[in-house]
């Protein structure tokens, strides 16, 4: 099975959307206390009715991550680790940074711009 690969832009859209939602919810423990108008504005801003947005990004990001988690990571690890057979193969090929995972910009931490 093939699925569409998420792009860096897809990831950035998702980070921006969820950062804005998190900021809007703040420390609110009960949904009725949330400013529903503000939430509506966030969804409208990020959904992407006039172009790329969360509407087109969420499935690529989540399904892609699900595929990687199910097929490439160690199911017994508490952190993101390569499956042992993948790690062994990478090491046999002389791959650098087998233990670490970095994005195309050399950072292992997501950025929100």
PDB file of N, CA and C in Angstrom:
ATOM      1  N   UNK A   1       0.839  -1.176   0.000  1.00  0.00           N
ATOM      2  CA  UNK A   1       0.000   0.000   0.000  1.00  0.00           C
ATOM      3  C   UNK A   1       0.889   1.246   0.000  1.00  0.00           C
ATOM      4  N   UNK A   2       0.504   2.221  -0.769  1.00  0.00           N
ATOM      5  CA  UNK A   2       1.226   3.480  -0.792  1.00  0.00           C
ATOM      6  C   UNK A   2       0.316   4.578  -0.268  1.00  0.00           C
ATOM      7  N   UNK A   3       0.901   5.469   0.497  1.00  0.00           N
ATOM      8  CA  UNK A   3       0.161   6.645   0.960  1.00  0.00           C
ATOM      9  C   UNK A   3       0.978   7.875   0.582  1.00  0.00           C
ATOM     10  N   UNK A   4       0.300   8.983   0.467  1.00  0.00           N
ATOM     11  CA  UNK A   4       0.986  10.229   0.121  1.00  0.00           C
ATOM     12  C   UNK A   4       1.916  10.634   1.258  1.00  0.00           C
ATOM     13  N   UNK A   5       3.102  11.066   0.911  1.00  0.00           N
ATOM     14  CA  UNK A   5       4.090  11.513   1.890  1.00  0.00           C
ATOM     15  C   UNK A   5       3.746  12.924   2.358  1.00  0.00           C
ATOM     16  N   UNK A   6       3.809  13.128   3.661  1.00  0.00           N
ATOM     17  CA  UNK A   6       3.612  14.475   4.207  1.00  0.00           C
ATOM     18  C   UNK A   6       4.833  15.324   3.866  1.00  0.00           C
ATOM     19  N   UNK A   7       4.604  16.584   3.593  1.00  0.00           N
ATOM     20  CA  UNK A   7       5.688  17.510   3.287  1.00  0.00           C
ATOM     21  C   UNK A   7       6.049  18.325   4.523  1.00  0.00           C
ATOM     22  N   UNK A   8       7.152  19.025   4.442  1.00  0.00           N
ATOM     23  CA  UNK A   8       7.532  19.928   5.526  1.00  0.00           C
ATOM     24  C   UNK A   8       6.440  20.974   5.735  1.00  0.00           C
ATOM     25  N   UNK A   9       5.849  21.462   4.650  1.00  0.00           N
ATOM     26  CA  UNK A   9       4.758  22.434   4.756  1.00  0.00           C
ATOM     27  C   UNK A   9       3.539  21.837   5.474  1.00  0.00           C
ATOM     28  N   UNK A  10       3.225  20.565   5.183  1.00  0.00           N
ATOM     29  CA  UNK A  10       2.130  19.894   5.900  1.00  0.00           C
ATOM     30  C   UNK A  10       2.392  19.910   7.402  1.00  0.00           C
ATOM     31  N   UNK A  11       3.613  19.578   7.773  1.00  0.00           N
ATOM     32  CA  UNK A  11       3.964  19.543   9.196  1.00  0.00           C
ATOM     33  C   UNK A  11       3.844  20.932   9.816  1.00  0.00           C
ATOM     34  N   UNK A  12       4.346  21.930   9.118  1.00  0.00           N
ATOM     35  CA  UNK A  12       4.275  23.297   9.644  1.00  0.00           C
ATOM     36  C   UNK A  12       2.823  23.746   9.832  1.00  0.00           C
ATOM     37  N   UNK A  13       1.948  23.396   8.865  1.00  0.00           N
ATOM     38  CA  UNK A  13       0.529  23.754   8.988  1.00  0.00           C
ATOM     39  C   UNK A  13      -0.082  23.095  10.220  1.00  0.00           C
ATOM     40  N   UNK A  14       0.250  21.827  10.439  1.00  0.00           N
ATOM     41  CA  UNK A  14      -0.296  21.115  11.594  1.00  0.00           C
ATOM     42  C   UNK A  14       0.221  21.715  12.897  1.00  0.00           C
ATOM     43  N   UNK A  15       1.528  22.006  12.963  1.00  0.00           N
ATOM     44  CA  UNK A  15       2.088  22.622  14.170  1.00  0.00           C
ATOM     45  C   UNK A  15       1.419  23.957  14.460  1.00  0.00           C
ATOM     46  N   UNK A  16       1.266  24.788  13.435  1.00  0.00           N
ATOM     47  CA  UNK A  16       0.658  26.112  13.618  1.00  0.00           C
ATOM     48  C   UNK A  16      -0.783  25.987  14.101  1.00  0.00           C
ATOM     49  N   UNK A  17      -1.545  25.073  13.490  1.00  0.00           N
ATOM     50  CA  UNK A  17      -2.946  24.864  13.867  1.00  0.00           C
ATOM     51  C   UNK A  17      -3.057  24.434  15.322  1.00  0.00           C
ATOM     52  N   UNK A  18      -2.308  23.415  15.708  1.00  0.00           N
ATOM     53  CA  UNK A  18      -2.437  22.913  17.076  1.00  0.00           C
ATOM     54  C   UNK A  18      -1.822  23.849  18.101  1.00  0.00           C
ATOM     55  N   UNK A  19      -0.802  24.607  17.731  1.00  0.00           N
ATOM     56  CA  UNK A  19      -0.269  25.610  18.648  1.00  0.00           C
ATOM     57  C   UNK A  19      -1.313  26.691  18.912  1.00  0.00           C
ATOM     58  N   UNK A  20      -2.003  27.139  17.866  1.00  0.00           N
ATOM     59  CA  UNK A  20      -3.050  28.146  18.055  1.00  0.00           C
ATOM     60  C   UNK A  20      -4.196  27.594  18.898  1.00  0.00           C
ATOM     61  N   UNK A  21      -4.593  26.344  18.663  1.00  0.00           N
ATOM     62  CA  UNK A  21      -5.650  25.741  19.477  1.00  0.00           C
ATOM     63  C   UNK A  21      -5.226  25.627  20.936  1.00  0.00           C
ATOM     64  N   UNK A  22      -4.009  25.185  21.145  1.00  0.00           N
ATOM     65  CA  UNK A  22      -3.509  25.050  22.512  1.00  0.00           C
ATOM     66  C   UNK A  22      -3.497  26.397  23.225  1.00  0.00           C
ATOM     67  N   UNK A  23      -3.099  27.426  22.500  1.00  0.00           N
ATOM     68  CA  UNK A  23      -3.075  28.773  23.068  1.00  0.00           C
ATOM     69  C   UNK A  23      -4.494  29.241  23.398  1.00  0.00           C
ATOM     70  N   UNK A  24      -5.453  28.936  22.535  1.00  0.00           N
ATOM     71  CA  UNK A  24      -6.841  29.346  22.760  1.00  0.00           C
ATOM     72  C   UNK A  24      -7.448  28.626  23.955  1.00  0.00           C
ATOM     73  N   UNK A  25      -7.124  27.341  24.101  1.00  0.00           N
ATOM     74  CA  UNK A  25      -7.667  26.585  25.231  1.00  0.00           C
ATOM     75  C   UNK A  25      -6.956  26.932  26.525  1.00  0.00           C
ATOM     76  N   UNK A  26      -5.670  27.254  26.447  1.00  0.00           N
ATOM     77  CA  UNK A  26      -4.911  27.622  27.638  1.00  0.00           C
ATOM     78  C   UNK A  26      -5.060  26.583  28.735  1.00  0.00           C
ATOM     79  N   UNK A  27      -5.386  27.037  29.932  1.00  0.00           N
ATOM     80  CA  UNK A  27      -5.545  26.149  31.080  1.00  0.00           C
ATOM     81  C   UNK A  27      -6.994  25.746  31.312  1.00  0.00           C
ATOM     82  N   UNK A  28      -7.854  25.976  30.341  1.00  0.00           N
ATOM     83  CA  UNK A  28      -9.275  25.657  30.492  1.00  0.00           C
ATOM     84  C   UNK A  28      -9.454  24.152  30.646  1.00  0.00           C
ATOM     85  N   UNK A  29     -10.198  23.761  31.658  1.00  0.00           N
ATOM     86  CA  UNK A  29     -10.437  22.339  31.901  1.00  0.00           C
ATOM     87  C   UNK A  29     -11.808  21.893  31.393  1.00  0.00           C
ATOM     88  N   UNK A  30     -12.688  22.839  31.140  1.00  0.00           N
ATOM     89  CA  UNK A  30     -14.036  22.505  30.697  1.00  0.00           C
ATOM     90  C   UNK A  30     -14.309  23.191  29.367  1.00  0.00           C
ATOM     91  N   UNK A  31     -14.691  22.421  28.370  1.00  0.00           N
ATOM     92  CA  UNK A  31     -14.912  22.950  27.021  1.00  0.00           C
ATOM     93  C   UNK A  31     -15.903  24.113  27.002  1.00  0.00           C
ATOM     94  N   UNK A  32     -16.982  24.107  27.790  1.00  0.00           N
ATOM     95  CA  UNK A  32     -17.899  25.262  27.741  1.00  0.00           C
ATOM     96  C   UNK A  32     -17.242  26.598  28.075  1.00  0.00           C
ATOM     97  N   UNK A  33     -16.104  26.559  28.779  1.00  0.00           N
ATOM     98  CA  UNK A  33     -15.424  27.800  29.154  1.00  0.00           C
ATOM     99  C   UNK A  33     -14.567  28.359  28.018  1.00  0.00           C
ATOM    100  N   UNK A  34     -14.432  27.633  26.940  1.00  0.00           N
ATOM    101  CA  UNK A  34     -13.606  28.070  25.811  1.00  0.00           C
ATOM    102  C   UNK A  34     -14.385  29.071  24.961  1.00  0.00           C
ATOM    103  N   UNK A  35     -13.690  30.062  24.449  1.00  0.00           N
ATOM    104  CA  UNK A  35     -14.287  31.054  23.565  1.00  0.00           C
ATOM    105  C   UNK A  35     -14.533  30.391  22.210  1.00  0.00           C
ATOM    106  N   UNK A  36     -15.762  29.974  21.970  1.00  0.00           N
ATOM    107  CA  UNK A  36     -16.091  29.236  20.740  1.00  0.00           C
ATOM    108  C   UNK A  36     -15.865  30.084  19.487  1.00  0.00           C
ATOM    109  N   UNK A  37     -16.048  31.370  19.592  1.00  0.00           N
ATOM    110  CA  UNK A  37     -15.802  32.241  18.435  1.00  0.00           C
ATOM    111  C   UNK A  37     -14.321  32.230  18.073  1.00  0.00           C
ATOM    112  N   UNK A  38     -13.469  32.267  19.088  1.00  0.00           N
ATOM    113  CA  UNK A  38     -12.019  32.233  18.839  1.00  0.00           C
ATOM    114  C   UNK A  38     -11.617  30.899  18.212  1.00  0.00           C
ATOM    115  N   UNK A  39     -12.202  29.814  18.685  1.00  0.00           N
ATOM    116  CA  UNK A  39     -11.904  28.492  18.124  1.00  0.00           C
ATOM    117  C   UNK A  39     -12.358  28.443  16.661  1.00  0.00           C
ATOM    118  N   UNK A  40     -13.533  28.975  16.389  1.00  0.00           N
ATOM    119  CA  UNK A  40     -14.032  29.024  15.013  1.00  0.00           C
ATOM    120  C   UNK A  40     -13.104  29.804  14.095  1.00  0.00           C
ATOM    121  N   UNK A  41     -12.565  30.917  14.601  1.00  0.00           N
ATOM    122  CA  UNK A  41     -11.630  31.719  13.808  1.00  0.00           C
ATOM    123  C   UNK A  41     -10.338  30.951  13.530  1.00  0.00           C
ATOM    124  N   UNK A  42      -9.875  30.178  14.515  1.00  0.00           N
ATOM    125  CA  UNK A  42      -8.655  29.383  14.327  1.00  0.00           C
ATOM    126  C   UNK A  42      -8.881  28.316  13.266  1.00  0.00           C
ATOM    127  N   UNK A  43      -9.999  27.615  13.363  1.00  0.00           N
ATOM    128  CA  UNK A  43     -10.293  26.567  12.383  1.00  0.00           C
ATOM    129  C   UNK A  43     -10.419  27.180  10.994  1.00  0.00           C
ATOM    130  N   UNK A  44     -11.139  28.290  10.880  1.00  0.00           N
ATOM    131  CA  UNK A  44     -11.299  28.960   9.591  1.00  0.00           C
ATOM    132  C   UNK A  44      -9.946  29.402   9.038  1.00  0.00           C
ATOM    133  N   UNK A  45      -9.103  29.953   9.893  1.00  0.00           N
ATOM    134  CA  UNK A  45      -7.777  30.434   9.478  1.00  0.00           C
ATOM    135  C   UNK A  45      -6.912  29.291   8.931  1.00  0.00           C
ATOM    136  N   UNK A  46      -6.950  28.145   9.575  1.00  0.00           N
ATOM    137  CA  UNK A  46      -6.033  27.060   9.227  1.00  0.00           C
ATOM    138  C   UNK A  46      -6.621  25.994   8.305  1.00  0.00           C
ATOM    139  N   UNK A  47      -7.941  25.945   8.153  1.00  0.00           N
ATOM    140  CA  UNK A  47      -8.556  24.832   7.427  1.00  0.00           C
ATOM    141  C   UNK A  47      -8.129  24.786   5.967  1.00  0.00           C
ATOM    142  N   UNK A  48      -7.992  25.936   5.332  1.00  0.00           N
ATOM    143  CA  UNK A  48      -7.480  25.976   3.967  1.00  0.00           C
ATOM    144  C   UNK A  48      -8.537  25.890   2.894  1.00  0.00           C
ATOM    145  N   UNK A  49      -9.628  26.635   3.050  1.00  0.00           N
ATOM    146  CA  UNK A  49     -10.662  26.596   2.019  1.00  0.00           C
ATOM    147  C   UNK A  49     -10.207  27.284   0.734  1.00  0.00           C
ATOM    148  N   UNK A  50      -9.231  28.195   0.832  1.00  0.00           N
ATOM    149  CA  UNK A  50      -8.742  28.910  -0.352  1.00  0.00           C
ATOM    150  C   UNK A  50      -7.356  28.448  -0.797  1.00  0.00           C
ATOM    151  N   UNK A  51      -6.904  27.339  -0.275  1.00  0.00           N
ATOM    152  CA  UNK A  51      -5.579  26.833  -0.622  1.00  0.00           C
ATOM    153  C   UNK A  51      -5.156  25.769   0.369  1.00  0.00           C
ATOM    154  N   UNK A  52      -3.882  25.420   0.346  1.00  0.00           N
ATOM    155  CA  UNK A  52      -3.407  24.372   1.248  1.00  0.00           C
ATOM    156  C   UNK A  52      -3.672  24.732   2.703  1.00  0.00           C
ATOM    157  N   UNK A  53      -4.111  23.753   3.435  1.00  0.00           N
ATOM    158  CA  UNK A  53      -4.376  23.963   4.850  1.00  0.00           C
ATOM    159  C   UNK A  53      -4.428  22.639   5.567  1.00  0.00           C
ATOM    160  N   UNK A  54      -4.865  22.691   6.815  1.00  0.00           N
ATOM    161  CA  UNK A  54      -4.970  21.493   7.642  1.00  0.00           C
ATOM    162  C   UNK A  54      -5.902  20.476   6.982  1.00  0.00           C
ATOM    163  N   UNK A  55      -6.891  20.946   6.264  1.00  0.00           N
ATOM    164  CA  UNK A  55      -7.848  20.060   5.583  1.00  0.00           C
ATOM    165  C   UNK A  55      -7.138  19.054   4.690  1.00  0.00           C
ATOM    166  N   UNK A  56      -6.063  19.465   4.031  1.00  0.00           N
ATOM    167  CA  UNK A  56      -5.341  18.558   3.140  1.00  0.00           C
ATOM    168  C   UNK A  56      -4.109  17.948   3.798  1.00  0.00           C
ATOM    169  N   UNK A  57      -3.684  18.480   4.925  1.00  0.00           N
ATOM    170  CA  UNK A  57      -2.443  18.030   5.551  1.00  0.00           C
ATOM    171  C   UNK A  57      -2.634  16.949   6.608  1.00  0.00           C
ATOM    172  N   UNK A  58      -3.728  17.004   7.344  1.00  0.00           N
ATOM    173  CA  UNK A  58      -3.854  16.144   8.524  1.00  0.00           C
ATOM    174  C   UNK A  58      -3.740  14.666   8.202  1.00  0.00           C
ATOM    175  N   UNK A  59      -4.355  14.227   7.115  1.00  0.00           N
ATOM    176  CA  UNK A  59      -4.332  12.796   6.824  1.00  0.00           C
ATOM    177  C   UNK A  59      -2.940  12.332   6.403  1.00  0.00           C
ATOM    178  N   UNK A  60      -2.227  13.143   5.615  1.00  0.00           N
ATOM    179  CA  UNK A  60      -0.868  12.759   5.223  1.00  0.00           C
ATOM    180  C   UNK A  60       0.039  12.668   6.442  1.00  0.00           C
ATOM    181  N   UNK A  61      -0.088  13.623   7.359  1.00  0.00           N
ATOM    182  CA  UNK A  61       0.754  13.636   8.547  1.00  0.00           C
ATOM    183  C   UNK A  61       0.419  12.451   9.459  1.00  0.00           C
ATOM    184  N   UNK A  62      -0.848  12.276   9.789  1.00  0.00           N
ATOM    185  CA  UNK A  62      -1.219  11.221  10.736  1.00  0.00           C
ATOM    186  C   UNK A  62      -1.073   9.818  10.158  1.00  0.00           C
ATOM    187  N   UNK A  63      -1.532   9.594   8.934  1.00  0.00           N
ATOM    188  CA  UNK A  63      -1.398   8.268   8.345  1.00  0.00           C
ATOM    189  C   UNK A  63       0.069   7.927   8.087  1.00  0.00           C
ATOM    190  N   UNK A  64       0.846   8.921   7.689  1.00  0.00           N
ATOM    191  CA  UNK A  64       2.273   8.684   7.494  1.00  0.00           C
ATOM    192  C   UNK A  64       2.958   8.307   8.792  1.00  0.00           C
ATOM    193  N   UNK A  65       2.639   9.025   9.855  1.00  0.00           N
ATOM    194  CA  UNK A  65       3.231   8.713  11.159  1.00  0.00           C
ATOM    195  C   UNK A  65       2.775   7.342  11.636  1.00  0.00           C
ATOM    196  N   UNK A  66       1.515   7.029  11.441  1.00  0.00           N
ATOM    197  CA  UNK A  66       0.993   5.721  11.827  1.00  0.00           C
ATOM    198  C   UNK A  66       1.734   4.611  11.088  1.00  0.00           C
ATOM    199  N   UNK A  67       1.961   4.793   9.800  1.00  0.00           N
ATOM    200  CA  UNK A  67       2.677   3.801   8.996  1.00  0.00           C
ATOM    201  C   UNK A  67       4.106   3.620   9.503  1.00  0.00           C
ATOM    202  N   UNK A  68       4.785   4.720   9.788  1.00  0.00           N
ATOM    203  CA  UNK A  68       6.150   4.629  10.303  1.00  0.00           C
ATOM    204  C   UNK A  68       6.194   3.961  11.671  1.00  0.00           C
ATOM    205  N   UNK A  69       5.271   4.340  12.552  1.00  0.00           N
ATOM    206  CA  UNK A  69       5.247   3.734  13.884  1.00  0.00           C
ATOM    207  C   UNK A  69       5.013   2.231  13.812  1.00  0.00           C
ATOM    208  N   UNK A  70       4.080   1.819  12.962  1.00  0.00           N
ATOM    209  CA  UNK A  70       3.745   0.394  12.856  1.00  0.00           C
ATOM    210  C   UNK A  70       4.832  -0.432  12.183  1.00  0.00           C
ATOM    211  N   UNK A  71       5.577   0.168  11.269  1.00  0.00           N
ATOM    212  CA  UNK A  71       6.492  -0.610  10.437  1.00  0.00           C
ATOM    213  C   UNK A  71       7.977  -0.371  10.675  1.00  0.00           C
ATOM    214  N   UNK A  72       8.338   0.734  11.296  1.00  0.00           N
ATOM    215  CA  UNK A  72       9.759   1.083  11.368  1.00  0.00           C
ATOM    216  C   UNK A  72      10.304   1.258  12.779  1.00  0.00           C
ATOM    217  N   UNK A  73       9.446   1.373  13.768  1.00  0.00           N
ATOM    218  CA  UNK A  73       9.928   1.671  15.106  1.00  0.00           C
ATOM    219  C   UNK A  73       9.860   0.458  16.025  1.00  0.00           C
ATOM    220  N   UNK A  74      10.687   0.505  17.046  1.00  0.00           N
ATOM    221  CA  UNK A  74      10.749  -0.557  18.053  1.00  0.00           C
ATOM    222  C   UNK A  74       9.489  -0.472  18.915  1.00  0.00           C
ATOM    223  N   UNK A  75       8.615  -1.492  18.871  1.00  0.00           N
ATOM    224  CA  UNK A  75       7.365  -1.429  19.626  1.00  0.00           C
ATOM    225  C   UNK A  75       7.569  -1.491  21.139  1.00  0.00           C
ATOM    226  N   UNK A  76       8.753  -1.897  21.588  1.00  0.00           N
ATOM    227  CA  UNK A  76       9.012  -2.012  23.021  1.00  0.00           C
ATOM    228  C   UNK A  76       9.700  -0.783  23.607  1.00  0.00           C
ATOM    229  N   UNK A  77      10.112   0.147  22.759  1.00  0.00           N
ATOM    230  CA  UNK A  77      10.831   1.337  23.228  1.00  0.00           C
ATOM    231  C   UNK A  77       9.848   2.420  23.678  1.00  0.00           C
ATOM    232  N   UNK A  78      10.276   3.216  24.650  1.00  0.00           N
ATOM    233  CA  UNK A  78       9.464   4.338  25.128  1.00  0.00           C
ATOM    234  C   UNK A  78       9.719   5.607  24.333  1.00  0.00           C
ATOM    235  N   UNK A  79      10.733   5.583  23.487  1.00  0.00           N
ATOM    236  CA  UNK A  79      11.057   6.717  22.625  1.00  0.00           C
ATOM    237  C   UNK A  79      11.063   6.225  21.183  1.00  0.00           C
ATOM    238  N   UNK A  80      11.136   7.143  20.240  1.00  0.00           N
ATOM    239  CA  UNK A  80      11.197   6.740  18.836  1.00  0.00           C
ATOM    240  C   UNK A  80      12.561   6.124  18.551  1.00  0.00           C
ATOM    241  N   UNK A  81      12.569   4.838  18.351  1.00  0.00           N
ATOM    242  CA  UNK A  81      13.783   4.090  18.055  1.00  0.00           C
ATOM    243  C   UNK A  81      13.520   3.221  16.834  1.00  0.00           C
ATOM    244  N   UNK A  82      14.544   3.058  15.982  1.00  0.00           N
ATOM    245  CA  UNK A  82      14.409   2.148  14.851  1.00  0.00           C
ATOM    246  C   UNK A  82      14.173   0.735  15.359  1.00  0.00           C
ATOM    247  N   UNK A  83      13.416  -0.038  14.594  1.00  0.00           N
ATOM    248  CA  UNK A  83      13.323  -1.462  14.863  1.00  0.00           C
ATOM    249  C   UNK A  83      14.728  -2.041  14.788  1.00  0.00           C
ATOM    250  N   UNK A  84      15.013  -3.061  15.563  1.00  0.00           N
ATOM    251  CA  UNK A  84      16.366  -3.619  15.631  1.00  0.00           C
ATOM    252  C   UNK A  84      16.909  -4.012  14.252  1.00  0.00           C
ATOM    253  N   UNK A  85      16.093  -4.653  13.421  1.00  0.00           N
ATOM    254  CA  UNK A  85      16.580  -5.077  12.104  1.00  0.00           C
ATOM    255  C   UNK A  85      16.924  -3.880  11.218  1.00  0.00           C
ATOM    256  N   UNK A  86      16.154  -2.812  11.327  1.00  0.00           N
ATOM    257  CA  UNK A  86      16.450  -1.601  10.550  1.00  0.00           C
ATOM    258  C   UNK A  86      17.728  -0.951  11.066  1.00  0.00           C
ATOM    259  N   UNK A  87      17.863  -0.852  12.393  1.00  0.00           N
ATOM    260  CA  UNK A  87      19.064  -0.263  12.982  1.00  0.00           C
ATOM    261  C   UNK A  87      20.305  -1.062  12.579  1.00  0.00           C
ATOM    262  N   UNK A  88      20.219  -2.382  12.637  1.00  0.00           N
ATOM    263  CA  UNK A  88      21.354  -3.226  12.236  1.00  0.00           C
ATOM    264  C   UNK A  88      21.723  -2.997  10.777  1.00  0.00           C
ATOM    265  N   UNK A  89      20.715  -2.907   9.925  1.00  0.00           N
ATOM    266  CA  UNK A  89      20.979  -2.688   8.504  1.00  0.00           C
ATOM    267  C   UNK A  89      21.632  -1.330   8.287  1.00  0.00           C
ATOM    268  N   UNK A  90      21.106  -0.295   8.932  1.00  0.00           N
ATOM    269  CA  UNK A  90      21.690   1.042   8.789  1.00  0.00           C
ATOM    270  C   UNK A  90      23.144   1.056   9.250  1.00  0.00           C
ATOM    271  N   UNK A  91      23.392   0.426  10.386  1.00  0.00           N
ATOM    272  CA  UNK A  91      24.758   0.373  10.892  1.00  0.00           C
ATOM    273  C   UNK A  91      25.669  -0.396   9.937  1.00  0.00           C
ATOM    274  N   UNK A  92      25.162  -1.443   9.324  1.00  0.00           N
ATOM    275  CA  UNK A  92      25.973  -2.228   8.378  1.00  0.00           C
ATOM    276  C   UNK A  92      26.329  -1.414   7.138  1.00  0.00           C
ATOM    277  N   UNK A  93      25.520  -0.430   6.810  1.00  0.00           N
ATOM    278  CA  UNK A  93      25.771   0.432   5.651  1.00  0.00           C
ATOM    279  C   UNK A  93      26.587   1.661   6.016  1.00  0.00           C
ATOM    280  N   UNK A  94      26.959   1.778   7.302  1.00  0.00           N
ATOM    281  CA  UNK A  94      27.760   2.920   7.735  1.00  0.00           C
ATOM    282  C   UNK A  94      26.961   4.196   7.875  1.00  0.00           C
ATOM    283  N   UNK A  95      25.661   4.071   8.080  1.00  0.00           N
ATOM    284  CA  UNK A  95      24.821   5.265   8.216  1.00  0.00           C
ATOM    285  C   UNK A  95      25.232   6.063   9.444  1.00  0.00           C
ATOM    286  N   UNK A  96      25.240   7.373   9.292  1.00  0.00           N
ATOM    287  CA  UNK A  96      25.543   8.256  10.411  1.00  0.00           C
ATOM    288  C   UNK A  96      24.275   8.523  11.202  1.00  0.00           C
ATOM    289  N   UNK A  97      24.420   8.812  12.484  1.00  0.00           N
ATOM    290  CA  UNK A  97      23.314   9.210  13.354  1.00  0.00           C
ATOM    291  C   UNK A  97      22.177   8.187  13.337  1.00  0.00           C
ATOM    292  N   UNK A  98      22.519   6.904  13.451  1.00  0.00           N
ATOM    293  CA  UNK A  98      21.510   5.851  13.468  1.00  0.00           C
ATOM    294  C   UNK A  98      20.601   6.003  14.681  1.00  0.00           C
ATOM    295  N   UNK A  99      21.152   6.440  15.803  1.00  0.00           N
ATOM    296  CA  UNK A  99      20.358   6.572  17.029  1.00  0.00           C
ATOM    297  C   UNK A  99      19.451   7.801  17.005  1.00  0.00           C
ATOM    298  N   UNK A 100      19.863   8.864  16.325  1.00  0.00           N
ATOM    299  CA  UNK A 100      19.085  10.099  16.314  1.00  0.00           C
ATOM    300  C   UNK A 100      18.180  10.179  15.114  1.00  0.00           C
ATOM    301  N   UNK A 101      17.193  11.024  15.207  1.00  0.00           N
ATOM    302  CA  UNK A 101      16.293  11.262  14.082  1.00  0.00           C
ATOM    303  C   UNK A 101      16.254  12.761  13.845  1.00  0.00           C
ATOM    304  N   UNK A 102      16.663  13.192  12.664  1.00  0.00           N
ATOM    305  CA  UNK A 102      16.654  14.617  12.363  1.00  0.00           C
ATOM    306  C   UNK A 102      15.841  14.878  11.123  1.00  0.00           C
ATOM    307  N   UNK A 103      15.260  16.057  11.060  1.00  0.00           N
ATOM    308  CA  UNK A 103      14.486  16.417   9.875  1.00  0.00           C
ATOM    309  C   UNK A 103      15.424  16.949   8.800  1.00  0.00           C
ATOM    310  N   UNK A 104      14.866  17.398   7.699  1.00  0.00           N
ATOM    311  CA  UNK A 104      15.672  17.853   6.573  1.00  0.00           C
ATOM    312  C   UNK A 104      16.500  19.087   6.902  1.00  0.00           C
ATOM    313  N   UNK A 105      16.208  19.747   8.028  1.00  0.00           N
ATOM    314  CA  UNK A 105      16.930  20.943   8.409  1.00  0.00           C
ATOM    315  C   UNK A 105      17.931  20.655   9.527  1.00  0.00           C
ATOM    316  N   UNK A 106      18.087  19.359   9.889  1.00  0.00           N
ATOM    317  CA  UNK A 106      19.055  18.993  10.905  1.00  0.00           C
ATOM    318  C   UNK A 106      18.567  19.176  12.314  1.00  0.00           C
ATOM    319  N   UNK A 107      17.286  19.379  12.507  1.00  0.00           N
ATOM    320  CA  UNK A 107      16.746  19.577  13.839  1.00  0.00           C
ATOM    321  C   UNK A 107      15.850  18.424  14.227  1.00  0.00           C
ATOM    322  N   UNK A 108      15.980  17.977  15.473  1.00  0.00           N
ATOM    323  CA  UNK A 108      15.094  16.909  15.918  1.00  0.00           C
ATOM    324  C   UNK A 108      13.874  17.478  16.641  1.00  0.00           C
ATOM    325  N   UNK A 109      13.815  18.774  16.770  1.00  0.00           N
ATOM    326  CA  UNK A 109      12.702  19.422  17.436  1.00  0.00           C
ATOM    327  C   UNK A 109      11.890  20.214  16.425  1.00  0.00           C
ATOM    328  N   UNK A 110      10.563  20.027  16.394  1.00  0.00           N
ATOM    329  CA  UNK A 110       9.754  20.767  15.426  1.00  0.00           C
ATOM    330  C   UNK A 110       9.794  22.264  15.718  1.00  0.00           C
ATOM    331  N   UNK A 111       9.735  23.037  14.649  1.00  0.00           N
ATOM    332  CA  UNK A 111       9.707  24.486  14.793  1.00  0.00           C
ATOM    333  C   UNK A 111       8.355  24.991  14.336  1.00  0.00           C
ATOM    334  N   UNK A 112       7.959  26.099  14.894  1.00  0.00           N
ATOM    335  CA  UNK A 112       6.723  26.751  14.454  1.00  0.00           C
ATOM    336  C   UNK A 112       7.070  28.164  14.055  1.00  0.00           C
ATOM    337  N   UNK A 113       6.832  28.454  12.816  1.00  0.00           N
ATOM    338  CA  UNK A 113       7.162  29.790  12.310  1.00  0.00           C
ATOM    339  C   UNK A 113       5.911  30.519  11.922  1.00  0.00           C
TER     340      UNK A 113
END
